[in-house]
Amino acid sequence: NSWNSVVQSKNKVRTQQVLHAKGIPTLKTAVIESMESLEIAIEMVGGAPVILKEPYGTYGNGVIIAESKRAAKSVLDSIWAKSKQKILMVQEYVAESNGEDIRVFVVGDRVAASMKRSAQNWEFRSNVELGAKTEPIEIPNEYKEIAIASTKALGLDYSGVDIIQTKRGPAVLEVNSNPGFKALEEATSID
């Protein structure tokens, strides 16, 4: 992956913008820079509960669920008190996913492997580093097309595309330019 494509994909706000501009399905997302924007952003994405995300982060760090507007405000106060970063993503919460997503590993123009990740132990994030269970999964062509299109849209040669099933269909959670593949190899036995 080129330096430019990695930098672009590391910024979750920029990734959402690029994917949305290319017509790739993503979650409803608003970006805020002030507490005054929080309530409007929550309504824009469909109301509480919501996911609050810092624009940079890995392994589920900086991803928080806020069950109510009041909780979102408290979380935001805490985040901004500790951080120089004053941008936050407010994203729709997808209850119907039940803490599951699909990691699709794309190499060039093909899907090399895919696995389902399931959150465990009261966790809503399906990151393997947080204890998620994994299993191999054969994905439909629609998921393959979304993953390959996402990788190309960001100018990546390979990626790990995280896709979540919503009531509207599959949507991209994020695109990883340096995806870990140890768990994927263990789950799928694909080198």
Protein backbone atom coordinates (compact mmCIF):
# COMPACT_ATOMS: atom_id res chain seq x y z
CA ASN A 1 0.00 0.00 0.00
CA SER A 2 1.26 3.45 -0.84
CA TRP A 3 1.91 6.05 1.83
CA ASN A 4 -0.94 8.26 0.56
CA SER A 5 -3.47 5.43 0.56
CA VAL A 6 -2.46 4.38 4.09
CA VAL A 7 -2.72 7.95 5.42
CA GLN A 8 -6.14 8.38 3.81
CA SER A 9 -7.52 5.09 5.15
CA LYS A 10 -6.19 5.72 8.68
CA ASN A 11 -8.47 8.76 8.89
CA LYS A 12 -11.94 7.30 9.52
CA VAL A 13 -13.66 10.58 8.59
CA ARG A 14 -11.86 10.74 5.25
CA THR A 15 -12.56 7.06 4.60
CA GLN A 16 -16.30 7.64 5.15
CA GLN A 17 -16.23 10.63 2.77
CA VAL A 18 -14.44 8.71 0.01
CA LEU A 19 -16.67 5.63 0.28
CA HIS A 20 -19.85 7.73 0.38
CA ALA A 21 -18.73 9.73 -2.67
CA LYS A 22 -18.18 6.45 -4.57
CA GLY A 23 -21.67 5.18 -3.65
CA ILE A 24 -20.35 2.44 -1.37
CA PRO A 25 -22.78 1.73 1.48
CA THR A 26 -21.64 3.04 4.87
CA LEU A 27 -23.31 3.74 8.19
CA LYS A 28 -25.09 7.03 8.86
CA THR A 29 -22.36 9.26 10.24
CA ALA A 30 -22.07 12.86 11.42
CA VAL A 31 -18.87 14.65 12.37
CA ILE A 32 -18.86 17.16 15.19
CA GLU A 33 -16.37 19.67 16.51
CA SER A 34 -18.39 21.13 19.37
CA MET A 35 -20.76 20.05 22.11
CA GLU A 36 -23.46 22.24 20.54
CA SER A 37 -23.53 19.93 17.50
CA LEU A 38 -23.96 16.71 19.46
CA GLU A 39 -27.75 16.63 19.77
CA ILE A 40 -28.25 17.47 16.08
CA ALA A 41 -25.74 14.78 15.09
CA ILE A 42 -27.49 12.15 17.21
CA GLU A 43 -30.80 12.95 15.50
CA MET A 44 -29.14 12.90 12.05
CA VAL A 45 -27.96 9.32 12.53
CA GLY A 46 -31.31 8.06 13.85
CA GLY A 47 -31.19 8.79 17.58
CA ALA A 48 -29.65 7.08 20.58
CA PRO A 49 -28.03 4.75 21.16
CA VAL A 50 -25.12 5.93 19.02
CA ILE A 51 -21.50 5.02 18.48
CA LEU A 52 -18.93 7.72 19.20
CA LYS A 53 -15.64 7.29 17.34
CA GLU A 54 -12.42 9.17 17.34
CA PRO A 55 -11.17 9.68 13.76
CA TYR A 56 -7.99 7.69 14.42
CA GLY A 57 -7.70 4.47 16.36
CA THR A 58 -7.08 0.74 16.12
CA TYR A 59 -8.23 -2.43 17.85
CA GLY A 60 -11.52 -0.84 18.91
CA ASN A 61 -9.82 1.92 20.90
CA GLY A 62 -11.70 5.22 20.75
CA VAL A 63 -15.01 3.51 19.88
CA ILE A 64 -17.70 4.01 22.51
CA ILE A 65 -21.40 3.23 22.70
CA ALA A 66 -23.63 5.93 24.21
CA GLU A 67 -27.04 4.57 25.18
CA SER A 68 -28.65 8.03 25.54
CA LYS A 69 -28.05 11.69 24.68
CA ARG A 70 -27.11 12.32 28.29
CA ALA A 71 -24.53 9.52 28.20
CA ALA A 72 -23.16 10.83 24.90
CA LYS A 73 -22.67 14.27 26.43
CA SER A 74 -20.85 12.82 29.46
CA VAL A 75 -18.61 10.69 27.25
CA LEU A 76 -17.85 13.62 24.98
CA ASP A 77 -16.93 15.82 27.98
CA SER A 78 -14.52 13.13 29.14
CA ILE A 79 -12.96 12.53 25.71
CA TRP A 80 -12.43 16.19 24.96
CA ALA A 81 -11.05 16.90 28.44
CA LYS A 82 -8.24 14.39 27.79
CA SER A 83 -7.62 14.88 24.09
CA LYS A 84 -6.24 17.59 21.86
CA GLN A 85 -8.36 16.12 19.07
CA LYS A 86 -11.64 18.04 18.90
CA ILE A 87 -13.31 16.08 16.12
CA LEU A 88 -15.59 13.15 16.81
CA MET A 89 -17.71 10.89 14.63
CA VAL A 90 -21.28 10.14 15.71
CA GLN A 91 -22.47 6.98 14.01
CA GLU A 92 -25.67 4.99 13.97
CA TYR A 93 -25.80 1.97 16.24
CA VAL A 94 -26.78 -1.23 14.42
CA ALA A 95 -28.58 -3.32 17.03
CA GLU A 96 -29.56 -5.99 14.52
CA SER A 97 -25.90 -6.90 13.96
CA ASN A 98 -25.79 -8.46 17.46
CA GLY A 99 -22.11 -7.57 17.80
CA GLU A 100 -21.13 -9.36 14.60
CA ASP A 101 -19.34 -8.20 11.49
CA ILE A 102 -17.46 -9.72 8.58
CA ARG A 103 -13.76 -9.09 7.94
CA VAL A 104 -13.02 -9.39 4.24
CA PHE A 105 -9.36 -9.60 3.28
CA VAL A 106 -8.84 -8.16 -0.20
CA VAL A 107 -5.67 -8.61 -2.24
CA GLY A 108 -5.64 -6.81 -5.58
CA ASP A 109 -8.90 -7.49 -7.37
CA ARG A 110 -9.98 -10.51 -5.35
CA VAL A 111 -11.16 -11.58 -1.94
CA ALA A 112 -8.50 -13.83 -0.44
CA ALA A 113 -10.45 -14.83 2.68
CA SER A 114 -13.26 -13.76 4.99
CA MET A 115 -14.32 -14.47 8.54
CA LYS A 116 -17.21 -13.62 10.82
CA ARG A 117 -16.25 -11.91 14.07
CA SER A 118 -18.60 -12.10 17.06
CA ALA A 119 -18.23 -9.89 20.13
CA GLN A 120 -18.07 -11.66 23.49
CA ASN A 121 -18.59 -10.94 27.18
CA TRP A 122 -20.81 -7.85 27.15
CA GLU A 123 -18.71 -6.29 24.41
CA PHE A 124 -20.33 -4.61 21.39
CA ARG A 125 -17.08 -4.31 19.41
CA SER A 126 -16.12 -7.36 17.36
CA ASN A 127 -12.37 -6.82 17.42
CA VAL A 128 -10.33 -10.00 17.90
CA GLU A 129 -8.04 -8.07 20.27
CA LEU A 130 -11.08 -7.57 22.53
CA GLY A 131 -11.89 -11.28 22.62
CA ALA A 132 -14.18 -11.68 19.62
CA LYS A 133 -14.74 -15.23 18.36
CA THR A 134 -13.96 -15.90 14.72
CA GLU A 135 -15.15 -18.41 12.18
CA PRO A 136 -14.68 -18.81 8.44
CA ILE A 137 -17.55 -17.66 6.30
CA GLU A 138 -18.39 -17.81 2.62
CA ILE A 139 -19.69 -14.37 1.73
CA PRO A 140 -22.15 -13.43 -1.00
CA ASN A 141 -20.94 -11.65 -4.13
CA GLU A 142 -22.45 -8.37 -2.87
CA TYR A 143 -20.02 -8.38 0.08
CA LYS A 144 -17.11 -9.22 -2.22
CA GLU A 145 -18.01 -6.37 -4.57
CA ILE A 146 -18.31 -3.89 -1.68
CA ALA A 147 -14.97 -4.96 -0.20
CA ILE A 148 -13.10 -4.76 -3.51
CA ALA A 149 -14.71 -1.42 -4.40
CA SER A 150 -13.79 -0.02 -0.97
CA THR A 151 -10.19 -1.12 -1.36
CA LYS A 152 -9.93 0.44 -4.81
CA ALA A 153 -11.70 3.66 -3.76
CA LEU A 154 -9.00 4.26 -1.16
CA GLY A 155 -6.18 3.38 -3.55
CA LEU A 156 -5.10 0.34 -1.53
CA ASP A 157 -3.46 -2.79 -2.97
CA TYR A 158 -4.70 -4.92 -0.06
CA SER A 159 -6.97 -4.32 2.91
CA GLY A 160 -9.18 -5.73 5.60
CA VAL A 161 -12.70 -4.42 5.02
CA ASP A 162 -15.11 -4.68 7.94
CA ILE A 163 -18.72 -5.05 6.82
CA ILE A 164 -21.79 -5.04 9.05
CA GLN A 165 -25.29 -6.21 8.15
CA THR A 166 -27.95 -3.52 8.64
CA LYS A 167 -31.68 -3.42 7.93
CA ARG A 168 -30.76 -1.61 4.70
CA GLY A 169 -28.22 -4.28 3.71
CA PRO A 170 -24.45 -4.58 4.15
CA ALA A 171 -22.47 -1.44 5.04
CA VAL A 172 -18.76 -0.77 5.50
CA LEU A 173 -17.66 -0.08 9.08
CA GLU A 174 -14.06 0.64 8.18
CA VAL A 175 -11.22 -0.21 5.83
CA ASN A 176 -7.91 -1.28 7.35
CA SER A 177 -4.76 -0.57 5.35
CA ASN A 178 -2.60 -2.75 7.60
CA PRO A 179 -4.99 -5.50 8.66
CA GLY A 180 -3.83 -8.17 11.01
CA PHE A 181 -4.23 -11.57 9.41
CA LYS A 182 -3.12 -13.96 12.14
CA ALA A 183 -6.71 -14.48 13.37
CA LEU A 184 -7.91 -14.73 9.76
CA GLU A 185 -5.35 -17.46 8.99
CA GLU A 186 -6.34 -19.32 12.15
CA ALA A 187 -10.06 -19.08 11.36
CA THR A 188 -9.83 -19.94 7.67
CA SER A 189 -6.59 -21.98 7.35
CA ILE A 190 -5.77 -19.78 4.34
CA ASP A 191 -2.14 -18.64 4.16
